[in-house]
PDB file of N, CA and C in Angstrom:
ATOM      1  N   MET A   1     116.053 124.047 100.041  1.00  0.00           N
ATOM      2  CA  MET A   1     114.859 123.317 100.411  1.00  0.00           C
ATOM      3  C   MET A   1     113.780 124.297 100.847  1.00  0.00           C
ATOM      4  N   SER A   2     112.541 123.982 100.567  1.00  0.00           N
ATOM      5  CA  SER A   2     111.418 124.827 100.933  1.00  0.00           C
ATOM      6  C   SER A   2     111.220 124.847 102.437  1.00  0.00           C
ATOM      7  N   LYS A   3     110.735 125.978 102.920  1.00  0.00           N
ATOM      8  CA  LYS A   3     110.398 126.105 104.336  1.00  0.00           C
ATOM      9  C   LYS A   3     109.103 125.346 104.593  1.00  0.00           C
ATOM     10  N   THR A   4     109.050 124.590 105.659  1.00  0.00           N
ATOM     11  CA  THR A   4     107.827 123.870 106.007  1.00  0.00           C
ATOM     12  C   THR A   4     107.015 124.697 106.985  1.00  0.00           C
ATOM     13  N   VAL A   5     105.697 124.477 106.966  1.00  0.00           N
ATOM     14  CA  VAL A   5     104.788 125.172 107.870  1.00  0.00           C
ATOM     15  C   VAL A   5     103.855 124.150 108.497  1.00  0.00           C
ATOM     16  N   ASN A   6     103.308 124.482 109.628  1.00  0.00           N
ATOM     17  CA  ASN A   6     102.316 123.632 110.275  1.00  0.00           C
ATOM     18  C   ASN A   6     100.942 123.963 109.726  1.00  0.00           C
ATOM     19  N   VAL A   7     100.140 122.934 109.550  1.00  0.00           N
ATOM     20  CA  VAL A   7      98.760 123.091 109.116  1.00  0.00           C
ATOM     21  C   VAL A   7      97.892 122.401 110.162  1.00  0.00           C
ATOM     22  N   SER A   8      96.909 123.112 110.661  1.00  0.00           N
ATOM     23  CA  SER A   8      96.025 122.544 111.686  1.00  0.00           C
ATOM     24  C   SER A   8      94.583 122.607 111.214  1.00  0.00           C
ATOM     25  N   PHE A   9      93.841 121.555 111.513  1.00  0.00           N
ATOM     26  CA  PHE A   9      92.405 121.547 111.240  1.00  0.00           C
ATOM     27  C   PHE A   9      91.744 120.554 112.167  1.00  0.00           C
ATOM     28  N   LYS A  10      90.458 120.737 112.362  1.00  0.00           N
ATOM     29  CA  LYS A  10      89.703 119.846 113.236  1.00  0.00           C
ATOM     30  C   LYS A  10      89.152 118.690 112.411  1.00  0.00           C
ATOM     31  N   LEU A  11      89.108 117.512 113.053  1.00  0.00           N
ATOM     32  CA  LEU A  11      88.644 116.297 112.403  1.00  0.00           C
ATOM     33  C   LEU A  11      87.852 115.501 113.429  1.00  0.00           C
ATOM     34  N   ASP A  12      86.737 114.966 113.032  1.00  0.00           N
ATOM     35  CA  ASP A  12      85.936 114.126 113.917  1.00  0.00           C
ATOM     36  C   ASP A  12      86.825 113.020 114.485  1.00  0.00           C
ATOM     37  N   SER A  13      86.708 112.759 115.787  1.00  0.00           N
ATOM     38  CA  SER A  13      87.616 111.804 116.442  1.00  0.00           C
ATOM     39  C   SER A  13      87.493 110.391 115.882  1.00  0.00           C
ATOM     40  N   SER A  14      86.271 109.939 115.545  1.00  0.00           N
ATOM     41  CA  SER A  14      86.138 108.586 114.998  1.00  0.00           C
ATOM     42  C   SER A  14      86.719 108.507 113.579  1.00  0.00           C
ATOM     43  N   LEU A  15      86.576 109.584 112.822  1.00  0.00           N
ATOM     44  CA  LEU A  15      87.169 109.631 111.480  1.00  0.00           C
ATOM     45  C   LEU A  15      88.689 109.588 111.573  1.00  0.00           C
ATOM     46  N   LYS A  16      89.231 110.317 112.540  1.00  0.00           N
ATOM     47  CA  LYS A  16      90.681 110.312 112.751  1.00  0.00           C
ATOM     48  C   LYS A  16      91.170 108.911 113.099  1.00  0.00           C
ATOM     49  N   GLN A  17      90.461 108.234 113.988  1.00  0.00           N
ATOM     50  CA  GLN A  17      90.877 106.889 114.392  1.00  0.00           C
ATOM     51  C   GLN A  17      90.798 105.915 113.219  1.00  0.00           C
ATOM     52  N   GLN A  18      89.759 106.036 112.420  1.00  0.00           N
ATOM     53  CA  GLN A  18      89.640 105.170 111.237  1.00  0.00           C
ATOM     54  C   GLN A  18      90.796 105.413 110.274  1.00  0.00           C
ATOM     55  N   MET A  19      91.084 106.692 110.018  1.00  0.00           N
ATOM     56  CA  MET A  19      92.169 107.008 109.093  1.00  0.00           C
ATOM     57  C   MET A  19      93.510 106.553 109.649  1.00  0.00           C
ATOM     58  N   LYS A  20      93.713 106.768 110.932  1.00  0.00           N
ATOM     59  CA  LYS A  20      94.968 106.353 111.568  1.00  0.00           C
ATOM     60  C   LYS A  20      95.157 104.846 111.417  1.00  0.00           C
ATOM     61  N   SER A  21      94.091 104.082 111.604  1.00  0.00           N
ATOM     62  CA  SER A  21      94.142 102.630 111.479  1.00  0.00           C
ATOM     63  C   SER A  21      94.444 102.212 110.032  1.00  0.00           C
ATOM     64  N   ILE A  22      93.784 102.842 109.089  1.00  0.00           N
ATOM     65  CA  ILE A  22      94.011 102.527 107.675  1.00  0.00           C
ATOM     66  C   ILE A  22      95.442 102.856 107.282  1.00  0.00           C
ATOM     67  N   CYS A  23      95.908 104.029 107.695  1.00  0.00           N
ATOM     68  CA  CYS A  23      97.288 104.420 107.384  1.00  0.00           C
ATOM     69  C   CYS A  23      98.280 103.429 107.990  1.00  0.00           C
ATOM     70  N   LYS A  24      98.018 103.024 109.231  1.00  0.00           N
ATOM     71  CA  LYS A  24      98.902 102.064 109.887  1.00  0.00           C
ATOM     72  C   LYS A  24      98.941 100.754 109.099  1.00  0.00           C
ATOM     73  N   ASP A  25      97.767 100.290 108.644  1.00  0.00           N
ATOM     74  CA  ASP A  25      97.702  99.062 107.845  1.00  0.00           C
ATOM     75  C   ASP A  25      98.481  99.187 106.540  1.00  0.00           C
ATOM     76  N   GLN A  26      98.534 100.415 106.010  1.00  0.00           N
ATOM     77  CA  GLN A  26      99.254 100.664 104.758  1.00  0.00           C
ATOM     78  C   GLN A  26     100.734 100.959 104.992  1.00  0.00           C
ATOM     79  N   GLY A  27     101.113 101.092 106.259  1.00  0.00           N
ATOM     80  CA  GLY A  27     102.513 101.327 106.587  1.00  0.00           C
ATOM     81  C   GLY A  27     102.956 102.770 106.444  1.00  0.00           C
ATOM     82  N   ILE A  28     102.011 103.710 106.532  1.00  0.00           N
ATOM     83  CA  ILE A  28     102.371 105.126 106.459  1.00  0.00           C
ATOM     84  C   ILE A  28     101.718 105.877 107.614  1.00  0.00           C
ATOM     85  N   SER A  29     102.242 107.038 107.886  1.00  0.00           N
ATOM     86  CA  SER A  29     101.652 107.881 108.930  1.00  0.00           C
ATOM     87  C   SER A  29     100.542 108.739 108.320  1.00  0.00           C
ATOM     88  N   MET A  30      99.699 109.269 109.194  1.00  0.00           N
ATOM     89  CA  MET A  30      98.674 110.191 108.708  1.00  0.00           C
ATOM     90  C   MET A  30      99.338 111.419 108.083  1.00  0.00           C
ATOM     91  N   ARG A  31     100.432 111.858 108.664  1.00  0.00           N
ATOM     92  CA  ARG A  31     101.171 113.000 108.126  1.00  0.00           C
ATOM     93  C   ARG A  31     101.597 112.718 106.686  1.00  0.00           C
ATOM     94  N   ALA A  32     102.165 111.543 106.467  1.00  0.00           N
ATOM     95  CA  ALA A  32     102.610 111.175 105.118  1.00  0.00           C
ATOM     96  C   ALA A  32     101.424 111.082 104.157  1.00  0.00           C
ATOM     97  N   ALA A  33     100.282 110.591 104.643  1.00  0.00           N
ATOM     98  CA  ALA A  33      99.094 110.486 103.801  1.00  0.00           C
ATOM     99  C   ALA A  33      98.602 111.866 103.371  1.00  0.00           C
ATOM    100  N   PHE A  34      98.551 112.807 104.322  1.00  0.00           N
ATOM    101  CA  PHE A  34      98.098 114.157 103.988  1.00  0.00           C
ATOM    102  C   PHE A  34      99.078 114.857 103.055  1.00  0.00           C
ATOM    103  N   ILE A  35     100.374 114.665 103.275  1.00  0.00           N
ATOM    104  CA  ILE A  35     101.380 115.263 102.391  1.00  0.00           C
ATOM    105  C   ILE A  35     101.244 114.676 100.988  1.00  0.00           C
ATOM    106  N   SER A  36     101.069 113.369 100.910  1.00  0.00           N
ATOM    107  CA  SER A  36     100.896 112.715  99.618  1.00  0.00           C
ATOM    108  C   SER A  36      99.668 113.259  98.889  1.00  0.00           C
ATOM    109  N   PHE A  37      98.565 113.420  99.629  1.00  0.00           N
ATOM    110  CA  PHE A  37      97.346 113.978  99.048  1.00  0.00           C
ATOM    111  C   PHE A  37      97.596 115.399  98.535  1.00  0.00           C
ATOM    112  N   ALA A  38      98.250 116.237  99.326  1.00  0.00           N
ATOM    113  CA  ALA A  38      98.524 117.615  98.923  1.00  0.00           C
ATOM    114  C   ALA A  38      99.400 117.662  97.666  1.00  0.00           C
ATOM    115  N   LYS A  39     100.416 116.808  97.610  1.00  0.00           N
ATOM    116  CA  LYS A  39     101.294 116.769  96.442  1.00  0.00           C
ATOM    117  C   LYS A  39     100.534 116.340  95.196  1.00  0.00           C
ATOM    118  N   LYS A  40      99.648 115.361  95.332  1.00  0.00           N
ATOM    119  CA  LYS A  40      98.871 114.885  94.189  1.00  0.00           C
ATOM    120  C   LYS A  40      97.941 115.982  93.661  1.00  0.00           C
ATOM    121  N   VAL A  41      97.263 116.666  94.573  1.00  0.00           N
ATOM    122  CA  VAL A  41      96.371 117.759  94.167  1.00  0.00           C
ATOM    123  C   VAL A  41      97.166 118.829  93.426  1.00  0.00           C
ATOM    124  N   CYS A  42      98.318 119.194  93.958  1.00  0.00           N
ATOM    125  CA  CYS A  42      99.125 120.245  93.338  1.00  0.00           C
ATOM    126  C   CYS A  42      99.735 119.808  92.012  1.00  0.00           C
ATOM    127  N   SER A  43     100.183 118.575  91.919  1.00  0.00           N
ATOM    128  CA  SER A  43     100.809 118.120  90.672  1.00  0.00           C
ATOM    129  C   SER A  43      99.789 117.977  89.550  1.00  0.00           C
ATOM    130  N   GLU A  44      98.556 117.616  89.901  1.00  0.00           N
ATOM    131  CA  GLU A  44      97.514 117.457  88.881  1.00  0.00           C
ATOM    132  C   GLU A  44      96.677 118.713  88.707  1.00  0.00           C
ATOM    133  N   ASN A  45      96.910 119.683  89.574  1.00  0.00           N
ATOM    134  CA  ASN A  45      96.189 120.950  89.533  1.00  0.00           C
ATOM    135  C   ASN A  45      94.674 120.752  89.539  1.00  0.00           C
ATOM    136  N   GLU A  46      94.241 119.765  90.287  1.00  0.00           N
ATOM    137  CA  GLU A  46      92.810 119.491  90.409  1.00  0.00           C
ATOM    138  C   GLU A  46      92.563 118.660  91.653  1.00  0.00           C
ATOM    139  N   PHE A  47      91.308 118.583  92.017  1.00  0.00           N
ATOM    140  CA  PHE A  47      90.910 117.803  93.185  1.00  0.00           C
ATOM    141  C   PHE A  47      89.713 116.952  92.800  1.00  0.00           C
ATOM    142  N   SER A  48      89.900 115.665  92.779  1.00  0.00           N
ATOM    143  CA  SER A  48      88.800 114.755  92.492  1.00  0.00           C
ATOM    144  C   SER A  48      89.057 113.445  93.216  1.00  0.00           C
ATOM    145  N   LEU A  49      88.068 112.978  93.925  1.00  0.00           N
ATOM    146  CA  LEU A  49      88.189 111.693  94.594  1.00  0.00           C
ATOM    147  C   LEU A  49      87.657 110.566  93.722  1.00  0.00           C
ATOM    148  N   ASP A  50      87.079 110.915  92.585  1.00  0.00           N
ATOM    149  CA  ASP A  50      86.513 109.925  91.674  1.00  0.00           C
ATOM    150  C   ASP A  50      87.470 109.721  90.510  1.00  0.00           C
ATOM    151  N   PRO A  51      88.059 108.515  90.372  1.00  0.00           N
ATOM    152  CA  PRO A  51      89.024 108.282  89.290  1.00  0.00           C
ATOM    153  C   PRO A  51      88.424 108.472  87.898  1.00  0.00           C
ATOM    154  N   PHE A  52      87.102 108.421  87.781  1.00  0.00           N
ATOM    155  CA  PHE A  52      86.469 108.654  86.481  1.00  0.00           C
ATOM    156  C   PHE A  52      86.861 110.020  85.934  1.00  0.00           C
ATOM    157  N   TYR A  53      87.025 111.003  86.822  1.00  0.00           N
ATOM    158  CA  TYR A  53      87.325 112.362  86.399  1.00  0.00           C
ATOM    159  C   TYR A  53      88.812 112.667  86.349  1.00  0.00           C
ATOM    160  N   SER A  54      89.655 111.643  86.332  1.00  0.00           N
ATOM    161  CA  SER A  54      91.093 111.882  86.232  1.00  0.00           C
ATOM    162  C   SER A  54      91.409 112.513  84.872  1.00  0.00           C
ATOM    163  N   LYS A  55      92.514 113.239  84.814  1.00  0.00           N
ATOM    164  CA  LYS A  55      92.915 113.885  83.555  1.00  0.00           C
ATOM    165  C   LYS A  55      93.038 112.864  82.435  1.00  0.00           C
ATOM    166  N   GLU A  56      93.638 111.713  82.750  1.00  0.00           N
ATOM    167  CA  GLU A  56      93.858 110.690  81.732  1.00  0.00           C
ATOM    168  C   GLU A  56      92.536 110.169  81.180  1.00  0.00           C
ATOM    169  N   ASN A  57      91.596 109.884  82.065  1.00  0.00           N
ATOM    170  CA  ASN A  57      90.319 109.353  81.615  1.00  0.00           C
ATOM    171  C   ASN A  57      89.534 110.396  80.836  1.00  0.00           C
ATOM    172  N   MET A  58      89.548 111.639  81.295  1.00  0.00           N
ATOM    173  CA  MET A  58      88.808 112.687  80.594  1.00  0.00           C
ATOM    174  C   MET A  58      89.398 112.918  79.199  1.00  0.00           C
ATOM    175  N   GLU A  59      90.727 112.859  79.081  1.00  0.00           N
ATOM    176  CA  GLU A  59      91.358 113.016  77.764  1.00  0.00           C
ATOM    177  C   GLU A  59      90.966 111.858  76.844  1.00  0.00           C
ATOM    178  N   ARG A  60      90.935 110.656  77.387  1.00  0.00           N
ATOM    179  CA  ARG A  60      90.539 109.497  76.585  1.00  0.00           C
ATOM    180  C   ARG A  60      89.088 109.643  76.114  1.00  0.00           C
ATOM    181  N   LEU A  61      88.216 110.111  76.992  1.00  0.00           N
ATOM    182  CA  LEU A  61      86.822 110.333  76.610  1.00  0.00           C
ATOM    183  C   LEU A  61      86.710 111.382  75.511  1.00  0.00           C
ATOM    184  N   ARG A  62      87.482 112.481  75.640  1.00  0.00           N
ATOM    185  CA  ARG A  62      87.453 113.526  74.599  1.00  0.00           C
ATOM    186  C   ARG A  62      87.905 112.971  73.252  1.00  0.00           C
ATOM    187  N   LYS A  63      88.974 112.171  73.260  1.00  0.00           N
ATOM    188  CA  LYS A  63      89.469 111.581  72.018  1.00  0.00           C
ATOM    189  C   LYS A  63      88.446 110.622  71.408  1.00  0.00           C
ATOM    190  N   SER A  64      87.812 109.826  72.251  1.00  0.00           N
ATOM    191  CA  SER A  64      86.800 108.885  71.767  1.00  0.00           C
ATOM    192  C   SER A  64      85.615 109.615  71.161  1.00  0.00           C
ATOM    193  N   ILE A  65      85.191 110.687  71.795  1.00  0.00           N
ATOM    194  CA  ILE A  65      84.071 111.476  71.273  1.00  0.00           C
ATOM    195  C   ILE A  65      84.452 112.109  69.954  1.00  0.00           C
ATOM    196  N   ALA A  66      85.658 112.675  69.874  1.00  0.00           N
ATOM    197  CA  ALA A  66      86.124 113.295  68.634  1.00  0.00           C
ATOM    198  C   ALA A  66      86.208 112.266  67.513  1.00  0.00           C
ATOM    199  N   GLN A  67      86.694 111.078  67.820  1.00  0.00           N
ATOM    200  CA  GLN A  67      86.793 110.022  66.824  1.00  0.00           C
ATOM    201  C   GLN A  67      85.409 109.610  66.331  1.00  0.00           C
ATOM    202  N   MET A  68      84.483 109.481  67.257  1.00  0.00           N
ATOM    203  CA  MET A  68      83.126 109.116  66.887  1.00  0.00           C
ATOM    204  C   MET A  68      82.494 110.193  66.018  1.00  0.00           C
ATOM    205  N   GLU A  69      82.683 111.452  66.401  1.00  0.00           N
ATOM    206  CA  GLU A  69      82.093 112.559  65.638  1.00  0.00           C
ATOM    207  C   GLU A  69      82.719 112.681  64.255  1.00  0.00           C
ATOM    208  N   SER A  70      84.026 112.467  64.157  1.00  0.00           N
ATOM    209  CA  SER A  70      84.696 112.599  62.855  1.00  0.00           C
ATOM    210  C   SER A  70      84.343 111.465  61.906  1.00  0.00           C
ATOM    211  N   SER A  71      83.939 110.327  62.448  1.00  0.00           N
ATOM    212  CA  SER A  71      83.571 109.202  61.591  1.00  0.00           C
ATOM    213  C   SER A  71      82.114 109.283  61.146  1.00  0.00           C
ATOM    214  N   GLY A  72      81.406 110.262  61.699  1.00  0.00           N
ATOM    215  CA  GLY A  72      79.994 110.406  61.348  1.00  0.00           C
ATOM    216  C   GLY A  72      79.112 109.430  62.092  1.00  0.00           C
ATOM    217  N   SER A  73      79.690 108.721  63.025  1.00  0.00           N
ATOM    218  CA  SER A  73      78.931 107.744  63.781  1.00  0.00           C
ATOM    219  C   SER A  73      78.065 108.443  64.812  1.00  0.00           C
ATOM    220  N   ASP A  74      76.934 107.837  65.086  1.00  0.00           N
ATOM    221  CA  ASP A  74      76.052 108.342  66.129  1.00  0.00           C
ATOM    222  C   ASP A  74      75.949 107.262  67.182  1.00  0.00           C
ATOM    223  N   PHE A  75      76.211 107.595  68.413  1.00  0.00           N
ATOM    224  CA  PHE A  75      76.207 106.614  69.499  1.00  0.00           C
ATOM    225  C   PHE A  75      74.922 105.812  69.502  1.00  0.00           C
ATOM    226  N   LYS A  76      73.793 106.460  69.260  1.00  0.00           N
ATOM    227  CA  LYS A  76      72.515 105.768  69.282  1.00  0.00           C
ATOM    228  C   LYS A  76      72.438 104.681  68.206  1.00  0.00           C
ATOM    229  N   ASP A  77      73.148 104.911  67.096  1.00  0.00           N
ATOM    230  CA  ASP A  77      73.148 103.924  66.013  1.00  0.00           C
ATOM    231  C   ASP A  77      73.872 102.645  66.414  1.00  0.00           C
ATOM    232  N   ASN A  78      74.742 102.734  67.400  1.00  0.00           N
ATOM    233  CA  ASN A  78      75.559 101.581  67.779  1.00  0.00           C
ATOM    234  C   ASN A  78      74.961 100.767  68.917  1.00  0.00           C
ATOM    235  N   ILE A  79      73.815 101.163  69.400  1.00  0.00           N
ATOM    236  CA  ILE A  79      73.168 100.434  70.497  1.00  0.00           C
ATOM    237  C   ILE A  79      72.206  99.414  69.917  1.00  0.00           C
ATOM    238  N   SER A  80      72.356  98.175  70.337  1.00  0.00           N
ATOM    239  CA  SER A  80      71.462  97.120  69.844  1.00  0.00           C
ATOM    240  C   SER A  80      70.357  96.851  70.812  1.00  0.00           C
TER     241      SER A  80
END
């Protein structure tokens, strides 16, 4: 098993209380929330809070653009 380490950082007290309340409502601790966030960042090798920029969505956009370009279609031609 990997060795664990402590991580410390300062957080605005009202932000901490809000997060603590949200985590409690979700049934998890703040510790578990931060660990979950760290694991997600590491597994996806990226950091984005906007789901639009997720790997899956960006890949779908690339495929759609490639399909449009290969068909000779122009996006402007498809707007009514």
